[in-house]
C-alpha cells in the first residue's frame, strides 16, 4: 500500500498527484483537507487529542497502518513527520524528490540538493520506502474519480504528544497568504528600510497580492520571518513575482523559482536574479514602483486587481 500524507497545506494535493505515479494510493488526511476527486480511497484521522499538529502522533499513525510506501509533501511538516517515521523504523528517507520510477523493489529517484541548485540521481531501498516530494515539482491535478473516505482513529498515548502546537497567531483578517497568492511583491536590501515596504504594500494591494522579503530583510527586522521567501522561508508559486531590490542569492531563488513569471526591478543589471527574470527593469525601485502604482490607479482602486 502506498500512503500519501495530506494536510491543509495546498502542496499536499500536488504530492497526491505525484504519488499516483506509484500505482494505487490511499490518502491519509489530517485536518480538514479536501481530497475529493484526487484519489479513490482516503482515511481521515480522527482523535480527541489531534486537534492540532503533533509530529510524533502523526508519525505513530503512519507506523500503525504498516504501509509499503509513504509519500509526504516536502514541507516543514512533511519532512519532520517522515523523519520520525524513519528513525522509529530504522529505514532511509529520501527528501525533496522531483521524479521517481520503479526498478523491481528499488525506487530510482531524482531529488533536489543544495537548495535546488543540484539534481541528484539516487536509489531508495528499504521497507517501507519513505520520500517527500519537492513543492511545486508537479501541478495538482484531480484524478477524476469518486473518493471513498473512512475515519481512522490511531492508538496514541501521552508520549506521542511531547511535541505539539499549543497556540496559533493568525494573520490579520483579509490578508492574502504568501503561499497561495497569485501575485507576490518581494523586497530586498534595496528597499532601504522598514518604511520602504509601505510602497510595496501599496503595489501588492492594487494587484490583490502579498508582500514577501529576502532573508536579509527579515534579519534586519524590516519584515517578519513569516514573510521570508527562500530556502529557509516560504516557497512560492504565484502567477507573477515582482522582485524589488533583491539581489537573488541562491537561497532566495529556491523560494521563488516556482513562479510562472518573474519581473525584476533593480539598479544592478548584473544582479543574479536578473538572469532568472522574464522581464527586468533596470532602475531605481523608488522611482519605478511609484510609476507603476500611479498607472494602476488610473483604473481606480481595484484596477490593478482586475488585470491580474
Protein backbone atom coordinates (compact mmCIF):
# COMPACT_ATOMS: atom_id res chain seq x y z
CA UNK A 1 0.00 0.00 0.00
CA UNK A 2 1.20 3.49 -0.88
CA UNK A 3 0.14 6.02 1.72
CA UNK A 4 0.19 9.75 0.99
CA UNK A 5 0.18 12.19 3.90
CA UNK A 6 -2.25 15.05 3.30
CA UNK A 7 -2.85 18.10 5.48
CA UNK A 8 -4.29 21.58 5.00
CA UNK A 9 -1.27 22.82 3.00
CA UNK A 10 -2.19 23.24 -0.71
CA UNK A 11 1.09 21.50 -1.61
CA UNK A 12 -0.50 18.27 -0.33
CA UNK A 13 -2.64 17.96 -3.45
CA UNK A 14 0.49 18.27 -5.61
CA UNK A 15 2.02 15.45 -3.56
CA UNK A 16 -1.07 13.30 -4.01
CA UNK A 17 -0.87 13.85 -7.77
CA UNK A 18 2.80 12.81 -7.72
CA UNK A 19 2.09 9.73 -5.59
CA UNK A 20 -0.31 8.35 -8.19
CA UNK A 21 2.73 7.52 -10.32
CA UNK A 22 3.39 4.69 -7.89
CA UNK A 23 0.08 2.96 -8.55
CA UNK A 24 -2.82 2.65 -6.12
CA UNK A 25 -2.63 5.35 -3.47
CA UNK A 26 -4.53 5.93 -0.26
CA UNK A 27 -4.61 9.40 1.24
CA UNK A 28 -4.05 9.76 4.98
CA UNK A 29 -5.79 13.01 5.81
CA UNK A 30 -5.06 15.16 8.85
CA UNK A 31 -7.20 18.22 9.42
CA UNK A 32 -9.93 19.39 7.06
CA UNK A 33 -8.15 18.92 3.73
CA UNK A 34 -10.45 18.06 0.82
CA UNK A 35 -9.13 15.27 -1.41
CA UNK A 36 -12.36 14.52 -3.26
CA UNK A 37 -11.62 13.55 -6.85
CA UNK A 38 -7.88 13.16 -6.33
CA UNK A 39 -7.79 9.58 -5.05
CA UNK A 40 -10.18 6.63 -4.79
CA UNK A 41 -9.58 5.89 -1.09
CA UNK A 42 -8.83 8.15 1.85
CA UNK A 43 -8.63 7.77 5.60
CA UNK A 44 -9.40 10.83 7.67
CA UNK A 45 -7.61 10.69 11.01
CA UNK A 46 -9.93 11.32 13.95
CA UNK A 47 -8.65 11.50 17.52
CA UNK A 48 -9.71 13.61 20.50
CA UNK A 49 -6.12 14.83 21.07
CA UNK A 50 -5.31 15.55 17.44
CA UNK A 51 -6.95 18.94 17.15
CA UNK A 52 -3.51 20.45 16.41
CA UNK A 53 -0.26 19.38 14.81
CA UNK A 54 1.78 16.83 16.79
CA UNK A 55 4.60 15.25 14.71
CA UNK A 56 5.18 12.15 16.85
CA UNK A 57 1.45 11.38 16.89
CA UNK A 58 1.24 11.79 13.11
CA UNK A 59 4.27 9.51 12.71
CA UNK A 60 2.76 6.88 15.02
CA UNK A 61 -0.43 6.94 12.93
CA UNK A 62 1.60 6.12 9.81
CA UNK A 63 3.57 3.36 11.55
CA UNK A 64 0.36 1.79 12.83
CA UNK A 65 -1.01 1.42 9.28
CA UNK A 66 2.10 -0.54 8.13
CA UNK A 67 2.30 0.88 4.59
CA UNK A 68 4.77 -0.28 1.94
CA UNK A 69 5.44 3.27 0.71
CA UNK A 70 4.86 6.65 2.34
CA UNK A 71 4.85 9.88 0.36
CA UNK A 72 4.63 13.28 2.06
CA UNK A 73 4.86 16.93 0.99
CA UNK A 74 8.35 18.44 1.08
CA UNK A 75 7.22 20.98 3.68
CA UNK A 76 8.42 21.54 7.23
CA UNK A 77 5.67 19.21 8.46
CA UNK A 78 6.19 16.55 5.82
CA UNK A 79 9.93 16.39 6.44
CA UNK A 80 9.52 16.32 10.21
CA UNK A 81 6.85 13.61 10.30
CA UNK A 82 8.71 11.25 7.95
CA UNK A 83 11.96 11.86 9.86
CA UNK A 84 10.20 10.50 12.95
CA UNK A 85 8.90 7.52 10.95
CA UNK A 86 12.38 6.82 9.52
CA UNK A 87 14.01 6.95 12.96
CA UNK A 88 11.37 4.72 14.52
CA UNK A 89 11.56 2.07 11.78
CA UNK A 90 15.30 2.48 11.08
CA UNK A 91 14.84 2.97 7.32
CA UNK A 92 16.20 5.64 4.93
CA UNK A 93 14.28 8.75 3.90
CA UNK A 94 14.66 10.48 0.52
CA UNK A 95 13.75 14.17 0.70
CA UNK A 96 12.72 16.67 -2.00
CA UNK A 97 12.08 14.15 -4.77
CA UNK A 98 11.06 15.52 -8.18
CA UNK A 99 10.83 12.27 -10.17
CA UNK A 100 10.55 8.55 -9.44
CA UNK A 101 10.49 5.28 -11.37
CA UNK A 102 10.36 1.66 -10.31
CA UNK A 103 13.22 -0.81 -10.76
CA UNK A 104 11.91 -4.01 -9.20
CA UNK A 105 11.87 -3.41 -5.44
CA UNK A 106 14.07 -0.34 -5.76
CA UNK A 107 12.98 3.24 -6.44
CA UNK A 108 15.06 5.24 -8.92
CA UNK A 109 14.81 8.85 -7.76
CA UNK A 110 15.73 12.33 -8.87
CA UNK A 111 15.83 14.74 -5.97
CA UNK A 112 16.86 18.29 -5.27
CA UNK A 113 20.06 19.01 -3.32
CA UNK A 114 21.84 22.20 -2.31
CA UNK A 115 18.65 24.22 -2.19
CA UNK A 116 17.52 23.06 -5.61
CA UNK A 117 20.72 24.04 -7.44
CA UNK A 118 21.70 20.38 -7.92
CA UNK A 119 19.69 17.37 -9.08
CA UNK A 120 20.84 14.03 -7.68
CA UNK A 121 20.08 10.59 -9.10
CA UNK A 122 19.61 8.11 -6.25
CA UNK A 123 18.28 4.64 -5.40
CA UNK A 124 15.92 4.12 -2.48
CA UNK A 125 15.68 0.74 -0.77
CA UNK A 126 14.18 -0.48 2.49
CA UNK A 127 10.66 -1.20 3.70
CA UNK A 128 8.68 0.92 3.95
CA UNK A 129 10.06 3.36 1.40
CA UNK A 130 9.81 6.94 2.63
CA UNK A 131 10.03 10.01 0.43
CA UNK A 132 8.98 13.65 0.42
CA UNK A 133 8.12 15.50 -2.78
CA UNK A 134 9.64 18.90 -3.52
CA UNK A 135 6.99 21.65 -3.51
CA UNK A 136 5.73 22.54 -6.99
CA UNK A 137 7.52 19.58 -8.61
CA UNK A 138 4.17 18.82 -10.27
CA UNK A 139 0.87 20.64 -10.59
CA UNK A 140 -2.12 19.40 -8.60
CA UNK A 141 -4.45 17.53 -10.95
CA UNK A 142 -7.66 15.68 -9.99
CA UNK A 143 -7.84 12.02 -10.98
CA UNK A 144 -11.49 12.27 -11.97
CA UNK A 145 -12.62 9.59 -9.52
CA UNK A 146 -15.11 9.43 -6.67
CA UNK A 147 -13.32 9.38 -3.32
CA UNK A 148 -14.39 6.94 -0.60
CA UNK A 149 -13.47 8.31 2.85
CA UNK A 150 -13.20 6.28 6.04
CA UNK A 151 -12.39 7.54 9.52
CA UNK A 152 -9.36 6.13 11.28
CA UNK A 153 -8.55 6.51 14.98
CA UNK A 154 -4.93 5.64 15.86
CA UNK A 155 -3.84 4.27 19.24
CA UNK A 156 -1.92 7.13 20.85
CA UNK A 157 -0.52 7.82 24.31
CA UNK A 158 0.84 10.88 26.14
CA UNK A 159 4.38 10.22 24.86
CA UNK A 160 3.19 10.90 21.32
CA UNK A 161 2.27 14.46 22.30
CA UNK A 162 5.58 15.62 23.78
CA UNK A 163 5.84 18.00 20.82
CA UNK A 164 2.65 19.69 19.69
CA UNK A 165 1.17 23.03 18.68
CA UNK A 166 -0.37 24.78 21.68
CA UNK A 167 -1.19 28.22 20.25
CA UNK A 168 -1.61 29.96 16.92
CA UNK A 169 -1.28 33.57 15.85
CA UNK A 170 -3.45 34.18 12.82
CA UNK A 171 -2.71 36.89 10.23
CA UNK A 172 -4.87 39.97 10.04
CA UNK A 173 -8.29 39.30 8.51
CA UNK A 174 -8.27 39.87 4.77
CA UNK A 175 -4.51 39.33 4.41
CA UNK A 176 -3.53 37.41 1.29
CA UNK A 177 -1.45 34.34 2.13
CA UNK A 178 2.05 34.35 0.72
CA UNK A 179 1.99 30.68 -0.28
CA UNK A 180 -1.28 30.93 -2.23
CA UNK A 181 -1.10 34.49 -3.63
CA UNK A 182 -1.38 34.87 -7.41
CA UNK A 183 0.92 37.90 -7.23
CA UNK A 184 3.81 38.39 -4.80
CA UNK A 185 5.77 41.62 -4.47
CA UNK A 186 9.14 40.86 -2.90
CA UNK A 187 11.62 43.29 -1.41
CA UNK A 188 15.32 43.01 -0.65
CA UNK A 189 18.03 45.19 0.86
CA UNK A 190 17.48 47.70 -1.95
CA UNK A 191 14.14 48.72 -0.42
CA UNK A 192 16.28 50.58 2.11
CA UNK A 193 14.18 50.47 5.28
CA UNK A 194 11.15 49.06 7.03
CA UNK A 195 9.19 52.14 5.95
CA UNK A 196 10.21 51.49 2.34
CA UNK A 197 7.98 48.44 2.31
CA UNK A 198 4.90 50.67 2.52
CA UNK A 199 5.38 51.32 -1.19
CA UNK A 200 5.50 47.59 -1.91
CA UNK A 201 2.41 47.06 0.25
CA UNK A 202 0.55 49.61 -1.87
CA UNK A 203 1.54 47.84 -5.09
CA UNK A 204 0.58 44.44 -3.69
CA UNK A 205 -2.81 45.75 -2.56
CA UNK A 206 -3.54 47.13 -6.01
CA UNK A 207 -2.67 43.76 -7.54
CA UNK A 208 -4.56 41.71 -4.97
CA UNK A 209 -1.29 40.13 -3.88
CA UNK A 210 1.01 39.59 -0.93
CA UNK A 211 4.34 41.06 0.15
CA UNK A 212 7.44 38.96 0.77
CA UNK A 213 11.04 39.67 1.61
CA UNK A 214 14.53 38.25 1.35
CA UNK A 215 16.39 36.75 4.27
CA UNK A 216 18.44 39.90 4.87
CA UNK A 217 15.20 41.87 5.16
CA UNK A 218 13.86 39.62 7.92
CA UNK A 219 17.27 39.58 9.66
CA UNK A 220 17.19 43.39 9.73
CA UNK A 221 13.70 43.31 11.24
CA UNK A 222 12.05 45.08 8.31
CA UNK A 223 9.61 42.18 7.79
CA UNK A 224 8.53 39.25 10.00
CA UNK A 225 10.08 35.84 9.31
CA UNK A 226 6.69 34.61 8.06
CA UNK A 227 7.17 36.92 5.04
CA UNK A 228 10.55 35.46 4.07
CA UNK A 229 10.81 33.93 0.60
CA UNK A 230 13.64 31.45 0.28
CA UNK A 231 15.16 28.13 1.18
CA UNK A 232 14.53 28.69 4.91
CA UNK A 233 11.29 30.59 4.34
CA UNK A 234 8.26 30.28 2.08
CA UNK A 235 8.45 28.62 -1.32
CA UNK A 236 6.02 30.43 -3.54
CA UNK A 237 4.45 29.69 -6.92
CA UNK A 238 2.48 32.80 -7.96
CA UNK A 239 1.49 33.74 -11.48
CA UNK A 240 3.76 36.77 -11.11
CA UNK A 241 6.63 37.53 -8.74
CA UNK A 242 7.83 41.15 -8.69
CA UNK A 243 11.29 41.29 -7.10
CA UNK A 244 12.21 44.80 -5.98
CA UNK A 245 15.78 45.48 -4.87
CA UNK A 246 16.50 41.77 -4.47
CA UNK A 247 19.99 40.59 -5.45
CA UNK A 248 18.93 36.96 -5.87
CA UNK A 249 21.14 34.74 -3.75
CA UNK A 250 20.60 31.05 -4.46
CA UNK A 251 18.67 30.66 -1.19
CA UNK A 252 16.14 33.24 -2.42
CA UNK A 253 15.95 31.73 -5.90
CA UNK A 254 14.97 28.40 -4.31
CA UNK A 255 11.96 30.10 -2.78
CA UNK A 256 10.69 31.89 -5.88
CA UNK A 257 11.64 29.61 -8.78
CA UNK A 258 8.13 28.14 -8.80
CA UNK A 259 6.75 31.48 -10.03
CA UNK A 260 5.29 31.34 -13.55
CA UNK A 261 6.73 34.78 -14.40
CA UNK A 262 9.33 36.94 -12.66
CA UNK A 263 9.61 40.72 -13.05
CA UNK A 264 12.78 42.24 -11.57
CA UNK A 265 13.19 45.91 -10.63
CA UNK A 266 16.83 46.56 -9.75
CA UNK A 267 19.53 49.20 -10.30
CA UNK A 268 22.14 46.47 -10.79
CA UNK A 269 21.85 44.84 -14.20
CA UNK A 270 24.35 42.20 -13.06
CA UNK A 271 22.30 41.08 -10.05
CA UNK A 272 21.95 37.25 -10.17
CA UNK A 273 18.15 37.43 -10.15
CA UNK A 274 18.15 39.41 -13.42
CA UNK A 275 19.38 36.30 -15.23
CA UNK A 276 16.36 34.40 -13.85
CA UNK A 277 13.82 37.05 -14.83
CA UNK A 278 11.27 37.02 -17.63
CA UNK A 279 11.34 40.82 -17.58
CA UNK A 280 13.78 43.23 -15.93
CA UNK A 281 13.52 46.95 -15.33
CA UNK A 282 16.98 48.38 -14.65
CA UNK A 283 16.31 51.38 -12.48
CA UNK A 284 15.65 52.73 -9.00
CA UNK A 285 12.68 50.91 -7.45
CA UNK A 286 11.79 54.11 -5.56
CA UNK A 287 11.08 55.70 -8.93
CA UNK A 288 9.80 52.70 -10.87
CA UNK A 289 7.31 51.33 -8.33
CA UNK A 290 5.53 54.69 -7.77
CA UNK A 291 5.16 54.99 -11.56
CA UNK A 292 3.57 51.52 -11.71
CA UNK A 293 1.27 52.38 -8.80
CA UNK A 294 0.20 55.63 -10.48
CA UNK A 295 -0.58 53.79 -13.71
CA UNK A 296 -2.64 51.17 -11.88
CA UNK A 297 -4.57 53.84 -10.00
CA UNK A 298 -5.76 55.31 -13.30
CA UNK A 299 -8.08 52.32 -13.44
CA UNK A 300 -9.42 53.03 -9.93
CA UNK A 301 -8.52 51.45 -6.54
CA UNK A 302 -9.39 47.97 -7.81
CA UNK A 303 -7.97 48.43 -11.30
CA UNK A 304 -4.78 46.53 -10.75
CA UNK A 305 -6.51 43.54 -9.19
CA UNK A 306 -8.89 43.25 -12.14
CA UNK A 307 -5.97 42.95 -14.56
CA UNK A 308 -4.19 40.16 -12.63
